[in-house]
Amino acid sequence: MAAFHHGLVRMVGYSSFMRASRRAYVTSALLASWTGTYLDLYFVGKGLYAFPKRPFPSVFSIDIFFTAVVLPLGTVFFLALMKRLSRLGRMGLIAALSALAAALEAKAETYGLFTHTAE
């Protein structure tokens, strides 16, 4: 894989390779943000959960800070880490982040940032 990477960099040039890599990160961040925003809007609209404490509550029914800032930055950070890890490291990172997400969601509920319905 490393030989392919170095050959590709030599073939297309380092700057164009980095530009394509940057574009991929920006595209992934935008896709994560849009997907998170639309899913939040859908599930909040269905009444499955709510965000009692959120920025601009008169304008947005969702936590726009999370979907516009935290989610894209987290996506870029996650992709950069995944690129550097081995297969076993990737599996460990996914398992660790899954457990962390569940714990943070429960903590957010105790602080009143997030509420689920009984459903």
N, C-alpha and C. Protein backbone atom coordinates (compact mmCIF):
# COMPACT_ATOMS: atom_id res chain seq x y z
N MET A 1 0.82 -1.19 0.00
CA MET A 1 0.00 0.00 0.00
C MET A 1 0.87 1.25 0.00
N ALA A 2 1.97 1.22 0.77
CA ALA A 2 2.85 2.38 0.83
C ALA A 2 3.48 2.66 -0.52
N ALA A 3 3.84 1.60 -1.25
CA ALA A 3 4.42 1.79 -2.57
C ALA A 3 3.42 2.44 -3.52
N PHE A 4 2.17 2.02 -3.43
CA PHE A 4 1.13 2.64 -4.26
C PHE A 4 0.99 4.11 -3.92
N HIS A 5 0.98 4.43 -2.62
CA HIS A 5 0.83 5.81 -2.16
C HIS A 5 1.98 6.68 -2.69
N HIS A 6 3.21 6.20 -2.54
CA HIS A 6 4.36 6.97 -3.01
C HIS A 6 4.36 7.10 -4.52
N GLY A 7 3.97 6.05 -5.22
CA GLY A 7 3.88 6.12 -6.67
C GLY A 7 2.83 7.12 -7.12
N LEU A 8 1.71 7.14 -6.42
CA LEU A 8 0.64 8.08 -6.74
C LEU A 8 1.08 9.51 -6.49
N VAL A 9 1.78 9.74 -5.40
CA VAL A 9 2.25 11.08 -5.08
C VAL A 9 3.24 11.54 -6.14
N ARG A 10 4.14 10.65 -6.56
CA ARG A 10 5.10 11.01 -7.60
C ARG A 10 4.39 11.27 -8.93
N MET A 11 3.36 10.48 -9.22
CA MET A 11 2.68 10.57 -10.51
C MET A 11 1.87 11.86 -10.62
N VAL A 12 1.07 12.19 -9.62
CA VAL A 12 0.19 13.35 -9.74
C VAL A 12 0.77 14.59 -9.08
N GLY A 13 1.83 14.44 -8.33
CA GLY A 13 2.42 15.58 -7.65
C GLY A 13 1.89 15.70 -6.24
N TYR A 14 2.76 16.12 -5.36
CA TYR A 14 2.41 16.17 -3.94
C TYR A 14 1.30 17.17 -3.66
N SER A 15 1.37 18.34 -4.27
CA SER A 15 0.38 19.37 -3.96
C SER A 15 -1.02 18.98 -4.43
N SER A 16 -1.12 18.37 -5.59
CA SER A 16 -2.45 17.97 -6.06
C SER A 16 -2.98 16.80 -5.24
N PHE A 17 -2.07 15.93 -4.75
CA PHE A 17 -2.49 14.83 -3.88
C PHE A 17 -3.01 15.38 -2.56
N MET A 18 -2.33 16.36 -1.99
CA MET A 18 -2.77 16.96 -0.73
C MET A 18 -4.08 17.73 -0.92
N ARG A 19 -4.22 18.38 -2.07
CA ARG A 19 -5.45 19.11 -2.36
C ARG A 19 -6.64 18.15 -2.44
N ALA A 20 -6.44 17.00 -3.08
CA ALA A 20 -7.49 16.00 -3.18
C ALA A 20 -7.81 15.43 -1.80
N SER A 21 -6.80 15.23 -0.98
CA SER A 21 -7.01 14.72 0.37
C SER A 21 -7.80 15.73 1.20
N ARG A 22 -7.44 17.00 1.10
CA ARG A 22 -8.16 18.05 1.82
C ARG A 22 -9.62 18.13 1.37
N ARG A 23 -9.83 18.02 0.06
CA ARG A 23 -11.19 18.03 -0.48
C ARG A 23 -12.01 16.87 0.05
N ALA A 24 -11.39 15.71 0.18
CA ALA A 24 -12.08 14.53 0.72
C ALA A 24 -12.49 14.76 2.16
N TYR A 25 -11.62 15.38 2.97
CA TYR A 25 -11.95 15.67 4.36
C TYR A 25 -13.09 16.68 4.46
N VAL A 26 -13.03 17.73 3.65
CA VAL A 26 -14.08 18.75 3.67
C VAL A 26 -15.41 18.15 3.22
N THR A 27 -15.37 17.33 2.18
CA THR A 27 -16.59 16.68 1.69
C THR A 27 -17.18 15.77 2.76
N SER A 28 -16.34 15.01 3.43
CA SER A 28 -16.81 14.11 4.49
C SER A 28 -17.40 14.90 5.65
N ALA A 29 -16.76 16.01 6.02
CA ALA A 29 -17.26 16.84 7.11
C ALA A 29 -18.62 17.43 6.77
N LEU A 30 -18.77 17.92 5.53
CA LEU A 30 -20.06 18.48 5.11
C LEU A 30 -21.15 17.41 5.07
N LEU A 31 -20.81 16.26 4.56
CA LEU A 31 -21.79 15.17 4.51
C LEU A 31 -22.21 14.75 5.91
N ALA A 32 -21.27 14.65 6.83
CA ALA A 32 -21.59 14.30 8.22
C ALA A 32 -22.49 15.36 8.85
N SER A 33 -22.19 16.62 8.60
CA SER A 33 -22.98 17.71 9.16
C SER A 33 -24.40 17.70 8.59
N TRP A 34 -24.53 17.58 7.30
CA TRP A 34 -25.86 17.56 6.68
C TRP A 34 -26.66 16.35 7.12
N THR A 35 -26.03 15.19 7.14
CA THR A 35 -26.73 13.98 7.57
C THR A 35 -27.19 14.10 9.01
N GLY A 36 -26.29 14.55 9.88
CA GLY A 36 -26.65 14.74 11.30
C GLY A 36 -27.77 15.74 11.48
N THR A 37 -27.71 16.84 10.73
CA THR A 37 -28.75 17.87 10.83
C THR A 37 -30.11 17.33 10.39
N TYR A 38 -30.15 16.68 9.24
CA TYR A 38 -31.43 16.18 8.74
C TYR A 38 -31.98 15.05 9.61
N LEU A 39 -31.12 14.18 10.12
CA LEU A 39 -31.60 13.13 11.02
C LEU A 39 -32.13 13.72 12.33
N ASP A 40 -31.42 14.72 12.87
CA ASP A 40 -31.92 15.38 14.08
C ASP A 40 -33.27 16.05 13.81
N LEU A 41 -33.38 16.76 12.69
CA LEU A 41 -34.65 17.41 12.36
C LEU A 41 -35.78 16.38 12.23
N TYR A 42 -35.49 15.26 11.60
CA TYR A 42 -36.50 14.21 11.41
C TYR A 42 -36.94 13.63 12.76
N PHE A 43 -35.98 13.22 13.59
CA PHE A 43 -36.32 12.56 14.86
C PHE A 43 -36.90 13.53 15.88
N VAL A 44 -36.45 14.77 15.88
CA VAL A 44 -37.07 15.77 16.76
C VAL A 44 -38.49 16.06 16.27
N GLY A 45 -38.68 16.14 14.97
CA GLY A 45 -40.02 16.35 14.41
C GLY A 45 -40.97 15.21 14.73
N LYS A 46 -40.45 13.99 14.78
CA LYS A 46 -41.25 12.82 15.15
C LYS A 46 -41.50 12.75 16.66
N GLY A 47 -40.77 13.58 17.41
CA GLY A 47 -40.95 13.60 18.86
C GLY A 47 -40.21 12.50 19.61
N LEU A 48 -39.20 11.88 18.97
CA LEU A 48 -38.47 10.80 19.63
C LEU A 48 -37.44 11.31 20.62
N TYR A 49 -36.90 12.49 20.39
CA TYR A 49 -36.03 13.13 21.37
C TYR A 49 -36.07 14.63 21.18
N ALA A 50 -35.49 15.35 22.15
CA ALA A 50 -35.50 16.81 22.11
C ALA A 50 -34.20 17.34 22.70
N PHE A 51 -33.93 18.59 22.41
CA PHE A 51 -32.77 19.29 22.94
C PHE A 51 -33.26 20.48 23.76
N PRO A 52 -33.51 20.29 25.07
CA PRO A 52 -34.04 21.38 25.89
C PRO A 52 -33.11 22.59 25.97
N LYS A 53 -31.81 22.35 26.11
CA LYS A 53 -30.83 23.45 26.17
C LYS A 53 -30.05 23.43 24.87
N ARG A 54 -30.29 24.45 24.05
CA ARG A 54 -29.63 24.52 22.75
C ARG A 54 -29.43 25.98 22.35
N PRO A 55 -28.45 26.25 21.50
CA PRO A 55 -28.28 27.63 21.02
C PRO A 55 -29.43 28.02 20.09
N PHE A 56 -29.84 29.26 20.19
CA PHE A 56 -30.91 29.83 19.37
C PHE A 56 -32.19 28.99 19.40
N PRO A 57 -32.78 28.77 20.59
CA PRO A 57 -33.96 27.91 20.68
C PRO A 57 -35.18 28.44 19.93
N SER A 58 -35.25 29.75 19.72
CA SER A 58 -36.40 30.29 18.99
C SER A 58 -36.29 30.04 17.49
N VAL A 59 -35.08 29.75 17.02
CA VAL A 59 -34.86 29.56 15.59
C VAL A 59 -34.75 28.07 15.23
N PHE A 60 -33.97 27.31 16.01
CA PHE A 60 -33.70 25.92 15.70
C PHE A 60 -34.30 24.98 16.73
N SER A 61 -34.89 23.89 16.28
CA SER A 61 -35.42 22.88 17.19
C SER A 61 -34.37 21.83 17.55
N ILE A 62 -33.20 21.93 16.92
CA ILE A 62 -32.10 20.99 17.18
C ILE A 62 -30.91 21.76 17.73
N ASP A 63 -29.92 21.02 18.22
CA ASP A 63 -28.68 21.64 18.71
C ASP A 63 -27.79 21.91 17.50
N ILE A 64 -27.90 23.10 16.97
CA ILE A 64 -27.19 23.45 15.73
C ILE A 64 -25.68 23.51 15.94
N PHE A 65 -25.23 23.82 17.15
CA PHE A 65 -23.79 23.85 17.43
C PHE A 65 -23.18 22.46 17.23
N PHE A 66 -23.86 21.44 17.72
CA PHE A 66 -23.34 20.08 17.58
C PHE A 66 -23.26 19.68 16.12
N THR A 67 -24.34 19.91 15.36
CA THR A 67 -24.35 19.45 13.97
C THR A 67 -23.50 20.31 13.05
N ALA A 68 -23.29 21.58 13.39
CA ALA A 68 -22.52 22.46 12.51
C ALA A 68 -21.05 22.56 12.87
N VAL A 69 -20.69 22.25 14.13
CA VAL A 69 -19.30 22.40 14.55
C VAL A 69 -18.70 21.09 15.05
N VAL A 70 -19.33 20.49 16.06
CA VAL A 70 -18.76 19.31 16.70
C VAL A 70 -18.72 18.12 15.74
N LEU A 71 -19.81 17.87 15.05
CA LEU A 71 -19.87 16.71 14.14
C LEU A 71 -18.86 16.78 12.98
N PRO A 72 -18.74 17.92 12.28
CA PRO A 72 -17.73 17.96 11.21
C PRO A 72 -16.29 17.86 11.73
N LEU A 73 -15.99 18.55 12.84
CA LEU A 73 -14.63 18.46 13.38
C LEU A 73 -14.34 17.05 13.89
N GLY A 74 -15.30 16.43 14.53
CA GLY A 74 -15.14 15.06 14.99
C GLY A 74 -14.93 14.10 13.84
N THR A 75 -15.62 14.33 12.74
CA THR A 75 -15.48 13.48 11.56
C THR A 75 -14.08 13.59 10.97
N VAL A 76 -13.57 14.79 10.84
CA VAL A 76 -12.23 15.00 10.29
C VAL A 76 -11.19 14.37 11.21
N PHE A 77 -11.34 14.57 12.51
CA PHE A 77 -10.41 13.98 13.48
C PHE A 77 -10.46 12.46 13.41
N PHE A 78 -11.66 11.90 13.34
CA PHE A 78 -11.83 10.45 13.25
C PHE A 78 -11.17 9.89 11.99
N LEU A 79 -11.41 10.52 10.85
CA LEU A 79 -10.83 10.04 9.59
C LEU A 79 -9.31 10.14 9.59
N ALA A 80 -8.78 11.23 10.17
CA ALA A 80 -7.32 11.38 10.25
C ALA A 80 -6.72 10.28 11.13
N LEU A 81 -7.38 9.97 12.24
CA LEU A 81 -6.89 8.89 13.11
C LEU A 81 -6.98 7.53 12.41
N MET A 82 -8.09 7.27 11.75
CA MET A 82 -8.29 5.99 11.08
C MET A 82 -7.24 5.77 9.98
N LYS A 83 -6.84 6.85 9.34
CA LYS A 83 -5.85 6.75 8.26
C LYS A 83 -4.49 6.29 8.79
N ARG A 84 -4.20 6.63 10.04
CA ARG A 84 -2.89 6.33 10.62
C ARG A 84 -2.83 5.01 11.37
N LEU A 85 -3.97 4.40 11.67
CA LEU A 85 -4.00 3.19 12.48
C LEU A 85 -3.98 1.92 11.65
N SER A 86 -3.54 0.85 12.27
CA SER A 86 -3.59 -0.47 11.64
C SER A 86 -5.03 -0.99 11.73
N ARG A 87 -5.25 -2.15 11.15
CA ARG A 87 -6.59 -2.74 11.16
C ARG A 87 -7.08 -3.00 12.59
N LEU A 88 -6.22 -3.53 13.43
CA LEU A 88 -6.57 -3.79 14.82
C LEU A 88 -6.82 -2.48 15.57
N GLY A 89 -5.98 -1.49 15.29
CA GLY A 89 -6.16 -0.18 15.91
C GLY A 89 -7.48 0.47 15.51
N ARG A 90 -7.86 0.31 14.26
CA ARG A 90 -9.15 0.85 13.79
C ARG A 90 -10.31 0.20 14.51
N MET A 91 -10.24 -1.13 14.66
CA MET A 91 -11.32 -1.83 15.37
C MET A 91 -11.39 -1.37 16.82
N GLY A 92 -10.24 -1.18 17.45
CA GLY A 92 -10.21 -0.70 18.83
C GLY A 92 -10.76 0.71 18.95
N LEU A 93 -10.39 1.58 18.01
CA LEU A 93 -10.89 2.95 18.03
C LEU A 93 -12.40 3.00 17.86
N ILE A 94 -12.92 2.20 16.95
CA ILE A 94 -14.38 2.18 16.73
C ILE A 94 -15.08 1.68 17.98
N ALA A 95 -14.56 0.64 18.61
CA ALA A 95 -15.18 0.12 19.84
C ALA A 95 -15.10 1.15 20.97
N ALA A 96 -13.95 1.79 21.12
CA ALA A 96 -13.79 2.78 22.18
C ALA A 96 -14.70 3.99 21.96
N LEU A 97 -14.77 4.47 20.73
CA LEU A 97 -15.63 5.63 20.45
C LEU A 97 -17.11 5.29 20.58
N SER A 98 -17.48 4.07 20.27
CA SER A 98 -18.88 3.64 20.45
C SER A 98 -19.25 3.67 21.92
N ALA A 99 -18.37 3.13 22.77
CA ALA A 99 -18.62 3.13 24.21
C ALA A 99 -18.63 4.56 24.75
N LEU A 100 -17.72 5.39 24.27
CA LEU A 100 -17.66 6.78 24.71
C LEU A 100 -18.91 7.55 24.30
N ALA A 101 -19.41 7.30 23.08
CA ALA A 101 -20.62 7.99 22.62
C ALA A 101 -21.82 7.62 23.48
N ALA A 102 -21.94 6.34 23.82
CA ALA A 102 -23.04 5.91 24.68
C ALA A 102 -22.95 6.56 26.06
N ALA A 103 -21.75 6.62 26.61
CA ALA A 103 -21.56 7.23 27.93
C ALA A 103 -21.83 8.74 27.88
N LEU A 104 -21.37 9.40 26.83
CA LEU A 104 -21.60 10.85 26.71
C LEU A 104 -23.08 11.17 26.49
N GLU A 105 -23.77 10.30 25.77
CA GLU A 105 -25.21 10.52 25.57
C GLU A 105 -25.95 10.42 26.90
N ALA A 106 -25.60 9.43 27.70
CA ALA A 106 -26.23 9.29 29.02
C ALA A 106 -25.90 10.49 29.90
N LYS A 107 -24.65 10.96 29.84
CA LYS A 107 -24.24 12.12 30.63
C LYS A 107 -24.98 13.38 30.17
N ALA A 108 -25.16 13.53 28.86
CA ALA A 108 -25.88 14.69 28.33
C ALA A 108 -27.33 14.69 28.81
N GLU A 109 -27.91 13.50 28.95
CA GLU A 109 -29.28 13.43 29.48
C GLU A 109 -29.34 13.86 30.94
N THR A 110 -28.34 13.50 31.73
CA THR A 110 -28.35 13.91 33.14
C THR A 110 -28.18 15.42 33.28
N TYR A 111 -27.47 16.06 32.35
CA TYR A 111 -27.30 17.51 32.39
C TYR A 111 -28.46 18.25 31.72
N GLY A 112 -29.41 17.53 31.15
CA GLY A 112 -30.56 18.16 30.53
C GLY A 112 -30.32 18.70 29.14
N LEU A 113 -29.23 18.27 28.49
CA LEU A 113 -28.94 18.73 27.14
C LEU A 113 -29.71 17.95 26.08
N PHE A 114 -30.21 16.78 26.48
CA PHE A 114 -30.77 15.83 25.53
C PHE A 114 -31.81 15.01 26.28
N THR A 115 -33.00 14.82 25.71
CA THR A 115 -34.01 13.97 26.36
C THR A 115 -34.63 13.03 25.34
N HIS A 116 -34.82 11.78 25.78
CA HIS A 116 -35.49 10.78 24.96
C HIS A 116 -36.94 10.66 25.41
N THR A 117 -37.80 10.22 24.51
CA THR A 117 -39.15 9.88 24.91
C THR A 117 -39.16 8.45 25.44
N ALA A 118 -40.25 8.02 25.96
CA ALA A 118 -40.36 6.65 26.49
C ALA A 118 -40.25 5.63 25.38
N GLU A 119 -40.55 6.01 24.16
CA GLU A 119 -40.48 5.10 23.02
C GLU A 119 -39.05 4.72 22.74
